[in-house]
Amino acid sequence: MNQKLLISAAFAAALAGAVAAPMAHAGGKEKCYGISAVGGNDCANLAGTHSCAGQAKVANDPGEYKVVEKGTCEDLGGFDKETAMKIIAGKG
């Protein structure tokens, strides 16, 4: 395999991953803020202080989320992103 083809294939794979990532929870799932345990978040927080799963420092932090079945967030005691942002801003 020549180097150009190898680089093109790697780029295509990376691009496909980047496009698929935001849609990973689209099928019947949603982000639920304020329900993760310490170290139990699924990805970056709203404050932008980290960008990885498992980095939550406080349980039930309104800026941290878990991906849950669509329609179950409120039952779990969580809230959507808009509400979480209001809480963080002190308006909630």
Protein backbone atom coordinates (compact mmCIF):
# COMPACT_ATOMS: atom_id res chain seq x y z
CA MET A 1 0.00 0.00 0.00
CA ASN A 2 1.52 3.34 -0.89
CA GLN A 3 1.93 6.11 1.65
CA LYS A 4 -0.74 8.40 0.10
CA LEU A 5 -3.36 5.67 0.24
CA LEU A 6 -2.43 4.79 3.81
CA ILE A 7 -2.70 8.43 4.91
CA SER A 8 -6.02 8.83 3.09
CA ALA A 9 -7.40 5.70 4.75
CA ALA A 10 -6.31 6.90 8.20
CA PHE A 11 -7.87 10.32 7.60
CA ALA A 12 -11.14 8.76 6.43
CA ALA A 13 -11.27 6.52 9.50
CA ALA A 14 -10.64 9.47 11.83
CA LEU A 15 -13.27 11.57 10.09
CA ALA A 16 -15.82 8.76 10.28
CA GLY A 17 -15.17 8.46 14.01
CA ALA A 18 -15.59 12.20 14.52
CA VAL A 19 -18.88 12.23 12.64
CA ALA A 20 -20.24 9.13 14.40
CA ALA A 21 -19.28 10.26 17.92
CA PRO A 22 -21.94 12.98 18.33
CA MET A 23 -24.61 10.57 17.10
CA ALA A 24 -23.61 7.81 19.52
CA HIS A 25 -26.51 8.55 21.87
CA ALA A 26 -29.02 9.84 19.32
CA GLY A 27 -30.92 6.56 19.00
CA GLY A 28 -33.18 6.56 22.04
CA LYS A 29 -30.58 8.05 24.42
CA GLU A 30 -30.05 11.50 25.90
CA LYS A 31 -27.57 13.36 28.09
CA CYS A 32 -28.78 13.67 31.67
CA TYR A 33 -26.98 16.25 33.80
CA GLY A 34 -26.58 16.11 37.57
CA ILE A 35 -26.80 12.35 38.12
CA SER A 36 -23.25 11.06 37.78
CA ALA A 37 -21.26 9.67 40.67
CA VAL A 38 -17.72 10.80 41.47
CA GLY A 39 -15.71 9.58 38.50
CA GLY A 40 -18.90 8.37 36.82
CA ASN A 41 -19.48 11.01 34.14
CA ASP A 42 -19.60 10.05 30.47
CA CYS A 43 -17.55 12.86 28.90
CA ALA A 44 -16.63 16.57 29.07
CA ASN A 45 -18.32 18.81 31.60
CA LEU A 46 -20.10 22.10 30.91
CA ALA A 47 -17.44 24.12 32.75
CA GLY A 48 -14.78 22.93 30.32
CA THR A 49 -12.39 21.88 33.08
CA HIS A 50 -12.01 18.38 31.62
CA SER A 51 -12.88 16.55 28.43
CA CYS A 52 -12.85 12.92 29.53
CA ALA A 53 -15.18 10.35 31.00
CA GLY A 54 -14.54 9.41 34.61
CA GLN A 55 -13.31 12.85 35.66
CA ALA A 56 -16.23 14.07 37.80
CA LYS A 57 -14.91 15.30 41.14
CA VAL A 58 -18.31 15.71 42.85
CA ALA A 59 -21.36 13.44 42.81
CA ASN A 60 -24.46 14.89 41.16
CA ASP A 61 -22.58 17.90 39.75
CA PRO A 62 -25.02 19.74 37.46
CA GLY A 63 -22.21 20.24 34.92
CA GLU A 64 -21.54 16.50 34.52
CA TYR A 65 -23.71 14.10 32.55
CA LYS A 66 -24.49 10.45 31.94
CA VAL A 67 -26.12 9.12 28.80
CA VAL A 68 -29.45 7.50 29.71
CA GLU A 69 -32.51 6.09 27.97
CA LYS A 70 -34.56 8.91 26.46
CA GLY A 71 -37.37 9.99 28.77
CA THR A 72 -35.77 8.69 32.00
CA CYS A 73 -33.61 11.66 33.01
CA GLU A 74 -36.20 13.47 35.11
CA ASP A 75 -37.14 10.20 36.86
CA LEU A 76 -33.46 9.79 37.78
CA GLY A 77 -33.38 13.28 39.34
CA GLY A 78 -31.44 14.88 36.49
CA PHE A 79 -32.06 17.63 33.99
CA ASP A 80 -31.37 18.70 30.42
CA LYS A 81 -28.43 20.85 29.30
CA GLU A 82 -30.41 24.11 29.30
CA THR A 83 -31.52 23.61 32.91
CA ALA A 84 -28.00 22.53 33.93
CA MET A 85 -26.53 25.69 32.44
CA LYS A 86 -29.06 27.83 34.35
CA ILE A 87 -28.18 26.06 37.60
CA ILE A 88 -24.47 26.57 37.00
CA ALA A 89 -25.06 30.25 36.22
CA GLY A 90 -27.03 30.59 39.47
CA LYS A 91 -30.34 31.18 37.74
CA GLY A 92 -31.88 27.78 38.42
